[in-house]
C-alpha atoms as a PDB file:
ATOM      1  CA  UNK A   1      15.452  25.539  -1.226  1.00  0.00           C
ATOM      2  CA  UNK A   2      16.109  24.305   2.281  1.00  0.00           C
ATOM      3  CA  UNK A   3      14.047  25.482   5.227  1.00  0.00           C
ATOM      4  CA  UNK A   4      15.429  25.113   8.724  1.00  0.00           C
ATOM      5  CA  UNK A   5      12.780  24.068  11.255  1.00  0.00           C
ATOM      6  CA  UNK A   6      12.838  22.710  14.761  1.00  0.00           C
ATOM      7  CA  UNK A   7      11.058  19.435  15.372  1.00  0.00           C
ATOM      8  CA  UNK A   8      10.474  17.515  18.578  1.00  0.00           C
ATOM      9  CA  UNK A   9      11.271  13.802  18.613  1.00  0.00           C
ATOM     10  CA  UNK A  10      10.657  11.061  21.095  1.00  0.00           C
ATOM     11  CA  UNK A  11      13.752   9.470  22.628  1.00  0.00           C
ATOM     12  CA  UNK A  12      13.049   6.374  20.544  1.00  0.00           C
ATOM     13  CA  UNK A  13      12.929   8.323  17.295  1.00  0.00           C
ATOM     14  CA  UNK A  14      16.054  10.291  18.192  1.00  0.00           C
ATOM     15  CA  UNK A  15      17.967   7.055  18.930  1.00  0.00           C
ATOM     16  CA  UNK A  16      16.812   5.598  15.607  1.00  0.00           C
ATOM     17  CA  UNK A  17      17.977   8.655  13.667  1.00  0.00           C
ATOM     18  CA  UNK A  18      21.291   8.654  15.497  1.00  0.00           C
ATOM     19  CA  UNK A  19      21.816   4.936  14.763  1.00  0.00           C
ATOM     20  CA  UNK A  20      21.189   5.435  11.038  1.00  0.00           C
ATOM     21  CA  UNK A  21      23.644   8.318  10.907  1.00  0.00           C
ATOM     22  CA  UNK A  22      26.139   6.464  13.120  1.00  0.00           C
ATOM     23  CA  UNK A  23      26.088   3.443  10.793  1.00  0.00           C
ATOM     24  CA  UNK A  24      26.772   5.710   7.841  1.00  0.00           C
ATOM     25  CA  UNK A  25      23.407   5.037   6.192  1.00  0.00           C
ATOM     26  CA  UNK A  26      22.682   8.757   6.122  1.00  0.00           C
ATOM     27  CA  UNK A  27      24.909  11.812   6.381  1.00  0.00           C
ATOM     28  CA  UNK A  28      22.728  13.666   8.881  1.00  0.00           C
ATOM     29  CA  UNK A  29      19.580  13.287  10.967  1.00  0.00           C
ATOM     30  CA  UNK A  30      17.919  15.751   8.601  1.00  0.00           C
ATOM     31  CA  UNK A  31      18.692  13.392   5.713  1.00  0.00           C
ATOM     32  CA  UNK A  32      16.943  10.551   7.565  1.00  0.00           C
ATOM     33  CA  UNK A  33      13.866  12.700   8.154  1.00  0.00           C
ATOM     34  CA  UNK A  34      13.858  13.872   4.528  1.00  0.00           C
ATOM     35  CA  UNK A  35      14.095  10.260   3.299  1.00  0.00           C
ATOM     36  CA  UNK A  36      11.206   9.264   5.555  1.00  0.00           C
ATOM     37  CA  UNK A  37       9.058  12.117   4.255  1.00  0.00           C
ATOM     38  CA  UNK A  38       9.929  11.222   0.637  1.00  0.00           C
ATOM     39  CA  UNK A  39       8.891   7.622   1.337  1.00  0.00           C
ATOM     40  CA  UNK A  40       5.617   8.804   2.854  1.00  0.00           C
ATOM     41  CA  UNK A  41       4.955  10.936  -0.220  1.00  0.00           C
ATOM     42  CA  UNK A  42       5.690   7.998  -2.543  1.00  0.00           C
ATOM     43  CA  UNK A  43       3.483   5.696  -0.453  1.00  0.00           C
ATOM     44  CA  UNK A  44       0.641   8.211  -0.714  1.00  0.00           C
ATOM     45  CA  UNK A  45       0.995   8.425  -4.503  1.00  0.00           C
ATOM     46  CA  UNK A  46       0.998   4.633  -4.816  1.00  0.00           C
ATOM     47  CA  UNK A  47      -1.997   4.292  -2.468  1.00  0.00           C
ATOM     48  CA  UNK A  48      -3.935   6.920  -4.441  1.00  0.00           C
ATOM     49  CA  UNK A  49      -3.150   5.144  -7.721  1.00  0.00           C
ATOM     50  CA  UNK A  50      -4.228   1.781  -6.297  1.00  0.00           C
ATOM     51  CA  UNK A  51      -7.473   3.214  -4.911  1.00  0.00           C
ATOM     52  CA  UNK A  52      -8.182   4.988  -8.184  1.00  0.00           C
ATOM     53  CA  UNK A  53      -7.659   1.753 -10.114  1.00  0.00           C
ATOM     54  CA  UNK A  54      -9.870  -0.132  -7.698  1.00  0.00           C
ATOM     55  CA  UNK A  55     -12.605   2.499  -7.939  1.00  0.00           C
ATOM     56  CA  UNK A  56     -12.489   2.336 -11.738  1.00  0.00           C
ATOM     57  CA  UNK A  57     -12.736  -1.462 -11.673  1.00  0.00           C
ATOM     58  CA  UNK A  58     -15.754  -1.241  -9.367  1.00  0.00           C
ATOM     59  CA  UNK A  59     -17.405   1.307 -11.689  1.00  0.00           C
ATOM     60  CA  UNK A  60     -16.683  -0.949 -14.674  1.00  0.00           C
ATOM     61  CA  UNK A  61     -18.179  -3.972 -12.947  1.00  0.00           C
ATOM     62  CA  UNK A  62     -21.246  -1.975 -11.893  1.00  0.00           C
ATOM     63  CA  UNK A  63     -21.904  -1.302 -15.590  1.00  0.00           C
ATOM     64  CA  UNK A  64     -21.911  -5.049 -16.323  1.00  0.00           C
ATOM     65  CA  UNK A  65     -25.385  -6.226 -17.310  1.00  0.00           C
ATOM     66  CA  UNK A  66     -26.910  -8.891 -15.055  1.00  0.00           C
ATOM     67  CA  UNK A  67     -27.093 -11.209 -18.072  1.00  0.00           C
ATOM     68  CA  UNK A  68     -23.275 -11.374 -17.991  1.00  0.00           C
ATOM     69  CA  UNK A  69     -23.034 -12.266 -14.298  1.00  0.00           C
ATOM     70  CA  UNK A  70     -21.482 -15.648 -13.455  1.00  0.00           C
ATOM     71  CA  UNK A  71     -23.302 -17.761 -10.887  1.00  0.00           C
ATOM     72  CA  UNK A  72     -21.380 -18.884  -7.823  1.00  0.00           C
ATOM     73  CA  UNK A  73     -21.306 -22.570  -8.797  1.00  0.00           C
ATOM     74  CA  UNK A  74     -19.441 -21.798 -12.013  1.00  0.00           C
ATOM     75  CA  UNK A  75     -17.370 -19.021 -10.505  1.00  0.00           C
ATOM     76  CA  UNK A  76     -15.872 -21.233  -7.814  1.00  0.00           C
ATOM     77  CA  UNK A  77     -15.962 -24.661  -9.482  1.00  0.00           C
ATOM     78  CA  UNK A  78     -12.249 -24.735 -10.332  1.00  0.00           C
ATOM     79  CA  UNK A  79     -11.257 -23.723  -6.807  1.00  0.00           C
ATOM     80  CA  UNK A  80     -13.619 -26.280  -5.268  1.00  0.00           C
ATOM     81  CA  UNK A  81     -12.227 -29.013  -7.528  1.00  0.00           C
ATOM     82  CA  UNK A  82      -8.685 -28.071  -6.556  1.00  0.00           C
ATOM     83  CA  UNK A  83      -9.387 -28.420  -2.846  1.00  0.00           C
ATOM     84  CA  UNK A  84     -11.622 -31.460  -3.301  1.00  0.00           C
ATOM     85  CA  UNK A  85     -15.050 -30.038  -2.485  1.00  0.00           C
ATOM     86  CA  UNK A  86     -18.105 -31.253  -4.401  1.00  0.00           C
ATOM     87  CA  UNK A  87     -19.138 -28.309  -6.632  1.00  0.00           C
ATOM     88  CA  UNK A  88     -22.812 -28.920  -5.833  1.00  0.00           C
ATOM     89  CA  UNK A  89     -22.369 -28.160  -2.132  1.00  0.00           C
END
């Protein structure tokens, strides 16, 4: 279903839409707006998935017993060796 609505655009946005249509990238200004909204929706889904994965990783790490923690000397020793820093500093 298509719903016809009126939207207000800045001159800058209107020029951008007109350029995209004029170059043949989109059939109409409405198609440009629809594509932008679809991209926003996809971005939101991807952001939500990333945040959910990050939250789960944080929860998983919070359940790690302290006995399994890695001290900072061992955790960063390879990186320090790569850049030439004494691991004891």
